[in-house]
Protein backbone atom coordinates (compact mmCIF):
# COMPACT_ATOMS: atom_id res chain seq x y z
CA UNK A 1 31.06 9.64 -10.79
CA UNK A 2 30.56 8.81 -14.45
CA UNK A 3 27.85 10.17 -16.69
CA UNK A 4 24.43 8.71 -15.94
CA UNK A 5 23.03 6.59 -18.76
CA UNK A 6 19.57 5.10 -19.23
CA UNK A 7 17.90 3.00 -21.87
CA UNK A 8 16.69 6.28 -23.37
CA UNK A 9 20.08 8.03 -23.45
CA UNK A 10 21.69 4.92 -24.92
CA UNK A 11 19.03 4.62 -27.61
CA UNK A 12 19.44 8.28 -28.53
CA UNK A 13 23.19 7.75 -28.81
CA UNK A 14 22.59 4.89 -31.23
CA UNK A 15 23.83 2.22 -28.83
CA UNK A 16 22.01 -1.10 -28.49
CA UNK A 17 21.87 -2.36 -24.89
CA UNK A 18 21.51 -5.95 -23.76
CA UNK A 19 18.00 -5.08 -22.50
CA UNK A 20 17.06 -3.81 -25.98
CA UNK A 21 18.35 -6.98 -27.59
CA UNK A 22 16.44 -9.24 -25.21
CA UNK A 23 13.23 -7.21 -25.44
CA UNK A 24 13.48 -7.09 -29.24
CA UNK A 25 13.99 -10.86 -29.40
CA UNK A 26 10.76 -11.31 -27.42
CA UNK A 27 8.95 -9.09 -29.92
CA UNK A 28 10.52 -10.77 -32.94
CA UNK A 29 11.84 -7.45 -34.27
CA UNK A 30 15.24 -5.95 -35.04
CA UNK A 31 16.91 -4.37 -31.97
CA UNK A 32 17.63 -1.25 -34.00
CA UNK A 33 13.93 -0.76 -34.65
CA UNK A 34 13.15 -1.06 -30.94
CA UNK A 35 15.98 1.33 -30.07
CA UNK A 36 14.48 3.89 -32.46
CA UNK A 37 11.09 3.59 -30.71
CA UNK A 38 12.75 4.08 -27.32
CA UNK A 39 14.71 7.07 -28.62
CA UNK A 40 11.47 8.67 -29.82
CA UNK A 41 9.67 8.01 -26.54
CA UNK A 42 7.19 5.68 -28.29
CA UNK A 43 8.40 2.64 -26.35
CA UNK A 44 9.90 2.09 -22.92
CA UNK A 45 11.97 -0.70 -21.39
CA UNK A 46 11.43 -0.44 -17.62
CA UNK A 47 14.64 -1.96 -16.24
CA UNK A 48 16.11 -0.74 -12.98
CA UNK A 49 19.84 -1.44 -12.87
CA UNK A 50 19.41 -3.24 -9.54
CA UNK A 51 16.78 -5.69 -10.85
CA UNK A 52 19.21 -8.51 -11.69
CA UNK A 53 16.51 -11.17 -12.12
CA UNK A 54 14.65 -9.15 -14.76
CA UNK A 55 13.93 -10.45 -18.25
CA UNK A 56 13.52 -7.07 -19.99
CA UNK A 57 10.35 -6.35 -21.92
CA UNK A 58 9.36 -3.31 -23.97
CA UNK A 59 6.07 -1.45 -23.79
CA UNK A 60 4.77 0.49 -26.79
CA UNK A 61 1.85 0.83 -29.19
CA UNK A 62 3.60 -1.03 -32.03
CA UNK A 63 4.67 -3.90 -29.77
CA UNK A 64 2.85 -6.82 -28.17
CA UNK A 65 0.31 -5.53 -25.67
CA UNK A 66 1.61 -6.19 -22.16
CA UNK A 67 -0.44 -6.87 -19.03
CA UNK A 68 0.17 -5.85 -15.43
CA UNK A 69 -1.04 -7.62 -12.29
CA UNK A 70 -1.68 -5.66 -9.08
CA UNK A 71 -0.78 -7.45 -5.84
CA UNK A 72 0.11 -6.58 -2.27
CA UNK A 73 -0.99 -6.84 1.33
CA UNK A 74 -3.58 -4.73 3.10
CA UNK A 75 -4.46 -4.20 6.76
CA UNK A 76 -7.38 -6.63 6.50
CA UNK A 77 -5.47 -9.21 4.41
CA UNK A 78 -1.85 -9.21 5.54
CA UNK A 79 -0.72 -12.73 4.55
CA UNK A 80 2.63 -12.14 2.83
CA UNK A 81 3.09 -15.75 1.75
CA UNK A 82 -0.38 -15.81 0.19
CA UNK A 83 0.59 -12.77 -1.87
CA UNK A 84 3.82 -14.43 -2.95
CA UNK A 85 1.85 -17.48 -4.03
CA UNK A 86 -0.06 -15.05 -6.25
CA UNK A 87 3.22 -13.61 -7.51
CA UNK A 88 4.43 -17.06 -8.59
CA UNK A 89 1.03 -17.82 -10.08
CA UNK A 90 0.91 -14.53 -11.98
CA UNK A 91 4.32 -15.12 -13.52
CA UNK A 92 3.34 -18.66 -14.49
CA UNK A 93 0.12 -17.41 -16.07
CA UNK A 94 1.93 -14.94 -18.32
CA UNK A 95 1.91 -11.58 -16.53
CA UNK A 96 4.42 -9.11 -17.97
CA UNK A 97 4.58 -6.90 -14.87
CA UNK A 98 3.60 -6.89 -11.21
CA UNK A 99 2.73 -3.79 -9.24
CA UNK A 100 3.12 -3.92 -5.48
CA UNK A 101 0.16 -1.94 -4.14
CA UNK A 102 0.69 -2.93 -0.52
CA UNK A 103 -1.12 -0.58 1.83
CA UNK A 104 -0.15 -1.82 5.28
CA UNK A 105 2.83 -2.73 7.42
CA UNK A 106 6.52 -2.61 6.55
CA UNK A 107 6.41 -2.87 2.77
CA UNK A 108 10.17 -2.75 2.23
CA UNK A 109 10.95 -6.47 2.72
CA UNK A 110 8.01 -7.47 0.50
CA UNK A 111 9.13 -5.07 -2.25
CA UNK A 112 12.78 -6.12 -2.10
CA UNK A 113 11.87 -9.80 -2.19
CA UNK A 114 9.74 -9.12 -5.27
CA UNK A 115 12.70 -7.51 -7.02
CA UNK A 116 15.10 -10.27 -5.98
CA UNK A 117 12.92 -13.11 -7.25
CA UNK A 118 10.79 -11.76 -10.10
CA UNK A 119 11.81 -12.01 -13.77
CA UNK A 120 9.00 -9.61 -14.74
CA UNK A 121 8.87 -5.82 -14.39
CA UNK A 122 8.06 -4.50 -10.91
CA UNK A 123 6.15 -1.29 -10.32
CA UNK A 124 5.10 0.61 -7.20
CA UNK A 125 3.15 3.69 -6.12
CA UNK A 126 5.35 5.66 -3.70
CA UNK A 127 2.45 7.83 -2.51
CA UNK A 128 0.92 4.79 -0.82
CA UNK A 129 4.13 3.84 0.90
CA UNK A 130 4.85 7.34 2.18
CA UNK A 131 1.65 7.19 4.21
CA UNK A 132 2.34 3.65 5.49
CA UNK A 133 6.07 3.94 6.17
CA UNK A 134 5.97 7.29 7.95
CA UNK A 135 3.03 6.35 10.18
CA UNK A 136 1.98 9.95 10.75
CA UNK A 137 -1.01 12.13 9.98
CA UNK A 138 -1.38 12.71 6.24
CA UNK A 139 -1.23 16.52 6.61
CA UNK A 140 2.05 16.24 8.55
CA UNK A 141 3.95 14.47 5.76
CA UNK A 142 6.57 16.86 4.43
CA UNK A 143 7.47 17.57 0.85
CA UNK A 144 10.90 16.02 1.45
CA UNK A 145 9.30 12.82 2.77
CA UNK A 146 7.16 12.37 -0.35
CA UNK A 147 10.28 12.69 -2.53
CA UNK A 148 12.44 10.45 -0.34
CA UNK A 149 9.92 7.63 -0.77
CA UNK A 150 10.55 7.77 -4.53
CA UNK A 151 14.26 7.46 -3.81
CA UNK A 152 13.76 4.49 -1.47
CA UNK A 153 11.76 2.58 -4.08
CA UNK A 154 14.31 3.33 -6.78
CA UNK A 155 17.12 2.10 -4.56
CA UNK A 156 15.14 -1.07 -3.85
CA UNK A 157 15.24 -1.84 -7.58
CA UNK A 158 11.69 -1.26 -8.86
CA UNK A 159 11.49 -0.76 -12.61
CA UNK A 160 8.66 1.77 -12.84
CA UNK A 161 6.93 4.04 -10.38
CA UNK A 162 3.50 5.62 -10.62
CA UNK A 163 4.07 9.29 -9.88
CA UNK A 164 0.91 11.39 -9.47
CA UNK A 165 2.50 14.62 -10.66
CA UNK A 166 -0.38 15.83 -12.83
CA UNK A 167 -2.78 16.75 -10.03
CA UNK A 168 -2.07 20.29 -8.80
CA UNK A 169 -3.65 23.00 -6.65
CA UNK A 170 -5.34 24.21 -9.81
CA UNK A 171 -6.87 20.75 -10.27
CA UNK A 172 -8.05 20.76 -6.66
CA UNK A 173 -9.85 24.07 -7.22
CA UNK A 174 -11.43 22.77 -10.42
CA UNK A 175 -12.69 19.62 -8.75
CA UNK A 176 -14.14 21.60 -5.88
CA UNK A 177 -15.94 23.85 -8.34
CA UNK A 178 -17.52 21.07 -10.38
CA UNK A 179 -18.55 17.93 -8.55
CA UNK A 180 -18.06 14.66 -10.40
CA UNK A 181 -20.33 11.67 -10.10
CA UNK A 182 -17.60 9.64 -8.39
CA UNK A 183 -15.00 12.26 -7.49
CA UNK A 184 -11.43 10.92 -7.38
CA UNK A 185 -11.10 7.12 -7.34
CA UNK A 186 -7.33 6.95 -7.72
CA UNK A 187 -5.98 6.02 -4.29
CA UNK A 188 -2.71 7.90 -4.83
CA UNK A 189 -4.55 10.81 -6.40
CA UNK A 190 -6.97 11.03 -3.48
CA UNK A 191 -4.10 11.09 -0.96
CA UNK A 192 -2.46 14.01 -2.73
CA UNK A 193 -5.80 15.78 -3.20
CA UNK A 194 -6.40 15.54 0.54
CA UNK A 195 -2.83 16.57 1.42
CA UNK A 196 -2.99 19.66 -0.81
CA UNK A 197 -6.44 20.56 0.47
CA UNK A 198 -5.34 20.32 4.12
CA UNK A 199 -1.94 22.01 3.76
CA UNK A 200 -2.62 24.50 0.98
CA UNK A 201 0.70 23.46 -0.56
CA UNK A 202 1.44 22.44 -4.12
CA UNK A 203 1.82 18.75 -5.05
CA UNK A 204 5.49 17.97 -4.28
CA UNK A 205 5.71 15.51 -7.17
CA UNK A 206 4.75 18.35 -9.52
CA UNK A 207 6.64 21.12 -7.76
CA UNK A 208 9.83 19.06 -7.47
CA UNK A 209 9.44 16.98 -10.61
CA UNK A 210 13.04 17.62 -11.67
CA UNK A 211 14.23 15.99 -8.44
CA UNK A 212 12.00 13.00 -9.14
CA UNK A 213 13.57 12.75 -12.59
CA UNK A 214 17.09 12.92 -11.16
CA UNK A 215 16.25 9.93 -8.93
CA UNK A 216 14.72 8.01 -11.82
CA UNK A 217 17.66 8.72 -14.11
CA UNK A 218 20.18 7.60 -11.49
CA UNK A 219 18.56 4.15 -11.31
CA UNK A 220 17.01 3.99 -14.80
CA UNK A 221 13.49 3.90 -13.38
CA UNK A 222 10.67 4.52 -15.83
CA UNK A 223 8.25 7.19 -14.63
CA UNK A 224 4.65 6.06 -15.03
CA UNK A 225 2.66 9.28 -14.89
CA UNK A 226 -0.38 8.51 -12.77
CA UNK A 227 -3.85 9.67 -13.72
CA UNK A 228 -5.21 10.97 -10.44
CA UNK A 229 -8.34 12.18 -12.23
CA UNK A 230 -9.14 9.01 -14.10
CA UNK A 231 -12.92 8.51 -14.30
CA UNK A 232 -14.43 6.20 -11.71
CA UNK A 233 -17.73 6.07 -13.57
CA UNK A 234 -18.76 6.33 -17.20
CA UNK A 235 -20.50 9.61 -16.31
CA UNK A 236 -17.11 11.21 -15.51
CA UNK A 237 -15.34 9.93 -18.63
CA UNK A 238 -13.48 12.42 -20.82
CA UNK A 239 -14.48 15.37 -18.62
CA UNK A 240 -12.47 18.53 -18.06
CA UNK A 241 -10.55 17.16 -15.08
CA UNK A 242 -9.43 14.02 -16.92
CA UNK A 243 -8.48 15.76 -20.16
CA UNK A 244 -6.71 18.68 -18.51
CA UNK A 245 -4.64 16.24 -16.48
CA UNK A 246 -3.79 14.33 -19.66
CA UNK A 247 -2.48 17.58 -21.18
CA UNK A 248 -0.34 18.07 -18.06
CA UNK A 249 0.95 14.49 -18.24
CA UNK A 250 2.02 15.05 -21.85
CA UNK A 251 4.06 18.07 -20.74
CA UNK A 252 5.61 16.08 -17.88
CA UNK A 253 6.47 13.21 -20.22
CA UNK A 254 8.33 15.63 -22.48
CA UNK A 255 10.24 16.96 -19.49
CA UNK A 256 11.13 13.41 -18.49
CA UNK A 257 12.45 12.54 -21.93
CA UNK A 258 14.53 15.72 -22.00
CA UNK A 259 16.23 14.46 -18.83
CA UNK A 260 16.83 10.99 -20.27
CA UNK A 261 14.03 9.32 -18.31
CA UNK A 262 11.56 6.97 -20.00
CA UNK A 263 7.90 7.83 -19.49
CA UNK A 264 4.61 5.94 -19.61
CA UNK A 265 1.20 7.62 -19.42
CA UNK A 266 -1.51 6.09 -17.22
CA UNK A 267 -5.11 6.29 -18.37
CA UNK A 268 -8.74 5.46 -17.68
CA UNK A 269 -10.62 4.11 -15.87
CA UNK A 270 -14.37 3.77 -16.42
CA UNK A 271 -15.82 4.88 -19.76
CA UNK A 272 -18.41 3.82 -22.27
CA UNK A 273 -17.28 1.92 -25.35
CA UNK A 274 -18.00 4.99 -27.45
CA UNK A 275 -15.26 6.90 -25.57
CA UNK A 276 -12.48 4.31 -25.66
CA UNK A 277 -11.07 4.86 -29.13
CA UNK A 278 -11.29 8.65 -28.81
CA UNK A 279 -9.29 8.51 -25.58
CA UNK A 280 -6.56 6.45 -27.23
CA UNK A 281 -6.31 9.05 -30.00
CA UNK A 282 -6.25 11.92 -27.49
CA UNK A 283 -3.36 10.36 -25.61
CA UNK A 284 -1.33 9.80 -28.75
CA UNK A 285 -1.75 13.43 -29.80
CA UNK A 286 -1.34 15.07 -26.41
CA UNK A 287 1.48 12.84 -25.16
CA UNK A 288 3.48 12.31 -28.38
CA UNK A 289 2.51 8.64 -28.60
CA UNK A 290 4.11 7.74 -25.27
CA UNK A 291 3.17 4.21 -24.17
CA UNK A 292 -0.37 4.28 -22.75
CA UNK A 293 -1.11 2.17 -19.67
CA UNK A 294 -4.84 1.74 -19.04
CA UNK A 295 -6.92 0.27 -16.21
CA UNK A 296 -9.50 -1.70 -18.15
CA UNK A 297 -11.14 0.48 -19.34
CA UNK A 298 -14.27 -0.71 -17.50
CA UNK A 299 -17.15 -0.08 -19.90
CA UNK A 300 -20.17 -0.33 -17.60
CA UNK A 301 -20.60 0.47 -13.91
CA UNK A 302 -23.20 -2.16 -13.01
CA UNK A 303 -21.23 -5.43 -13.07
CA UNK A 304 -19.51 -5.88 -9.69
CA UNK A 305 -18.24 -9.44 -9.58
CA UNK A 306 -17.81 -9.43 -13.36
CA UNK A 307 -15.47 -6.50 -13.90
CA UNK A 308 -12.81 -8.80 -15.35
CA UNK A 309 -15.28 -9.13 -18.25
CA UNK A 310 -16.19 -5.43 -18.48
CA UNK A 311 -12.50 -4.52 -18.45
CA UNK A 312 -11.59 -7.16 -21.04
CA UNK A 313 -14.19 -5.68 -23.40
CA UNK A 314 -12.74 -2.21 -22.93
CA UNK A 315 -9.16 -3.47 -22.90
CA UNK A 316 -9.50 -5.25 -26.24
CA UNK A 317 -10.81 -2.10 -27.90
CA UNK A 318 -8.18 0.03 -26.16
CA UNK A 319 -5.35 -2.25 -27.29
CA UNK A 320 -6.68 -2.37 -30.83
CA UNK A 321 -6.79 1.44 -30.77
CA UNK A 322 -3.26 1.94 -29.46
CA UNK A 323 -3.01 1.14 -25.74
CA UNK A 324 0.33 -0.52 -24.99
CA UNK A 325 -0.16 -1.84 -21.48
CA UNK A 326 -3.30 -3.20 -19.80
CA UNK A 327 -3.70 -3.29 -16.04
CA UNK A 328 -5.71 -6.39 -15.26
CA UNK A 329 -8.99 -6.20 -13.37
CA UNK A 330 -10.34 -9.11 -11.34
CA UNK A 331 -13.87 -10.19 -10.40
CA UNK A 332 -13.10 -8.72 -6.96
CA UNK A 333 -12.70 -5.15 -8.28
CA UNK A 334 -14.57 -2.67 -6.04
CA UNK A 335 -15.37 -5.51 -3.61
CA UNK A 336 -12.33 -7.02 -1.83
CA UNK A 337 -8.69 -8.02 -2.08
CA UNK A 338 -8.50 -10.60 -4.90
CA UNK A 339 -7.99 -14.27 -4.11
CA UNK A 340 -5.70 -16.50 -6.15
CA UNK A 341 -8.66 -17.64 -8.27
CA UNK A 342 -9.77 -14.02 -8.77
CA UNK A 343 -6.26 -13.21 -9.94
CA UNK A 344 -6.26 -16.12 -12.38
CA UNK A 345 -9.55 -15.02 -13.93
CA UNK A 346 -8.33 -11.44 -14.19
CA UNK A 347 -5.08 -12.46 -15.88
CA UNK A 348 -6.83 -14.67 -18.42
CA UNK A 349 -9.36 -11.96 -19.26
CA UNK A 350 -6.56 -9.40 -19.68
CA UNK A 351 -4.47 -11.77 -21.82
CA UNK A 352 -7.45 -12.41 -24.09
CA UNK A 353 -8.01 -8.66 -24.40
CA UNK A 354 -4.33 -8.04 -25.15
CA UNK A 355 -4.15 -10.80 -27.75
CA UNK A 356 -7.36 -9.62 -29.42
CA UNK A 357 -5.89 -6.13 -29.63
CA UNK A 358 -2.64 -7.48 -31.08
CA UNK A 359 -4.54 -9.25 -33.86
CA UNK A 360 -6.40 -6.05 -34.70
CA UNK A 361 -3.27 -3.92 -34.85
CA UNK A 362 -1.32 -6.50 -36.87
CA UNK A 363 1.37 -7.48 -34.38
CA UNK A 364 3.60 -10.09 -36.10
CA UNK A 365 2.76 -13.63 -35.02
CA UNK A 366 -0.50 -12.82 -33.25
CA UNK A 367 -2.83 -13.97 -36.03
CA UNK A 368 -0.68 -17.03 -36.70
CA UNK A 369 -1.70 -18.61 -33.38
CA UNK A 370 -5.38 -18.26 -34.24
CA UNK A 371 -4.82 -19.74 -37.70
CA UNK A 372 -3.08 -22.74 -36.17
CA UNK A 373 -5.96 -23.18 -33.73
CA UNK A 374 -8.44 -23.09 -36.62
CA UNK A 375 -6.49 -25.81 -38.41
CA UNK A 376 -6.45 -27.97 -35.26
CA UNK A 377 -10.22 -27.55 -34.94
CA UNK A 378 -10.79 -28.45 -38.58
CA UNK A 379 -8.70 -31.58 -38.05
CA UNK A 380 -10.48 -32.37 -34.75
CA UNK A 381 -7.01 -32.43 -33.20
CA UNK A 382 -7.87 -32.07 -29.51
CA UNK A 383 -4.29 -32.18 -28.25
CA UNK A 384 -3.32 -29.58 -30.79
CA UNK A 385 -6.17 -27.36 -29.61
CA UNK A 386 -5.14 -27.73 -25.97
CA UNK A 387 -1.51 -26.86 -26.75
CA UNK A 388 -2.55 -23.63 -28.50
CA UNK A 389 -5.19 -22.58 -25.97
CA UNK A 390 -4.50 -19.50 -23.86
CA UNK A 391 -5.65 -21.59 -20.86
CA UNK A 392 -4.87 -25.22 -21.79
CA UNK A 393 -5.62 -26.49 -18.29
CA UNK A 394 -9.22 -25.26 -18.39
CA UNK A 395 -9.80 -26.43 -21.96
CA UNK A 396 -8.52 -29.92 -21.16
CA UNK A 397 -10.56 -30.09 -17.95
CA UNK A 398 -13.81 -29.09 -19.68
CA UNK A 399 -13.46 -31.83 -22.28
CA UNK A 400 -12.53 -34.41 -19.63
CA UNK A 401 -15.60 -33.52 -17.56
CA UNK A 402 -18.00 -34.32 -20.41
CA UNK A 403 -16.78 -37.24 -22.51
CA UNK A 404 -18.53 -37.80 -25.89
CA UNK A 405 -19.67 -41.16 -27.21
CA UNK A 406 -17.47 -40.62 -30.28
CA UNK A 407 -13.91 -39.39 -29.72
CA UNK A 408 -14.00 -37.23 -32.86
CA UNK A 409 -16.90 -35.11 -31.55
CA UNK A 410 -17.85 -33.28 -28.36
CA UNK A 411 -21.00 -33.58 -26.24
CA UNK A 412 -22.46 -30.40 -27.72
CA UNK A 413 -23.12 -31.74 -31.24
CA UNK A 414 -22.23 -35.44 -31.18
CA UNK A 415 -22.89 -37.11 -34.52
CA UNK A 416 -24.17 -33.83 -35.94
CA UNK A 417 -20.73 -32.21 -35.57
CA UNK A 418 -20.50 -29.81 -38.51
CA UNK A 419 -16.71 -30.03 -38.78
CA UNK A 420 -16.61 -33.84 -38.75
CA UNK A 421 -19.45 -34.20 -41.26
CA UNK A 422 -18.05 -31.67 -43.72
CA UNK A 423 -14.65 -33.37 -43.49
CA UNK A 424 -16.32 -36.71 -44.26
CA UNK A 425 -18.11 -35.36 -47.34
CA UNK A 426 -15.01 -33.58 -48.65
CA UNK A 427 -13.09 -36.82 -48.31
CA UNK A 428 -15.69 -38.68 -50.38
CA UNK A 429 -17.41 -40.56 -47.56
CA UNK A 430 -21.06 -40.72 -46.57
CA UNK A 431 -22.24 -39.09 -43.36
CA UNK A 432 -24.22 -40.95 -40.70
CA UNK A 433 -25.78 -38.55 -38.17
CA UNK A 434 -27.66 -41.17 -36.17
């Protein structure tokens, strides 16, 4: 058997892979610059060798902010074809990654079909699948069975796996000693918390982390270090449990890189706006600027049904402050499995947040789109505006639903359109506002 190579080992050896070239072309940067980021652990290219349909993309603070879409079947909503309709929709709407969070039934065929057909990165959470696939009491799952689930997902071709290796018996004791407002809201984290509490055994993903890394290296799977203690309410933000786990994740990320495995750090969660920027800085310092993958952040707890908006507010600030990867949130968050329309709204909100962050951090080409839109608006070029819109279908539909008397205005201002009237004056013509 030849020496195992990964995107990270190749970058450190000064070799440019095809995945680096394609990802760099998408970013509009030199492949050598991207390779240097990967070599330093500041960017990752999740690209399992078995994912033949993949169009590789890179994730990192200095790159375009990427967005992830969570999908998957549950016991109450087990329509596989409906989920694949969402998959096709998500890809068409500009998702950069899809995570299969299926929590019921035989997930293998669904996961393998995702890998076979999807050009975007695929992620999974093996802790979920261990519980589903083994169909046994949680406390009876063995350490070997947790680890073998990681291997099964890697062999199926997923590009990144959320591994909850940062929650340990020490964390369990700390959480028992100081009650949080919302406890543990990470599904994978809660499963491991319960397993450790019932068995008295150490987290196998932590205890046998080197074995996890061997599996990831063999398939070039990126390890996405899960934040089991992410805050589920703004009251729990940046508390001892969250920060101590972040310290542990930084140590685990360093161990991963030493073994040639790319690492991403997962982050909050719910937190007030005043905490967002500080958390981005903390992650950069504690985790050596590893790509930061955040859920939201959701910046208020009182907006069920509107959490795509609360998360977009937090996500824009997070991206501007250094987050590399935003996990979308839909209006259905905390309430139900998202519908197709929920998914669409979540994707658009996340894309707006990501683009806003890219403008703030000076990503090449981001501001140019906004400048072109401004020119189209000044010229009252409606087709130009639609072509540049992040959601051209909605923009076109809104204008069609409310036709103005004059084609060069809209039904908001009519003859008093500021843009039209200023253009008229600057061109030496008189303005008639009647």
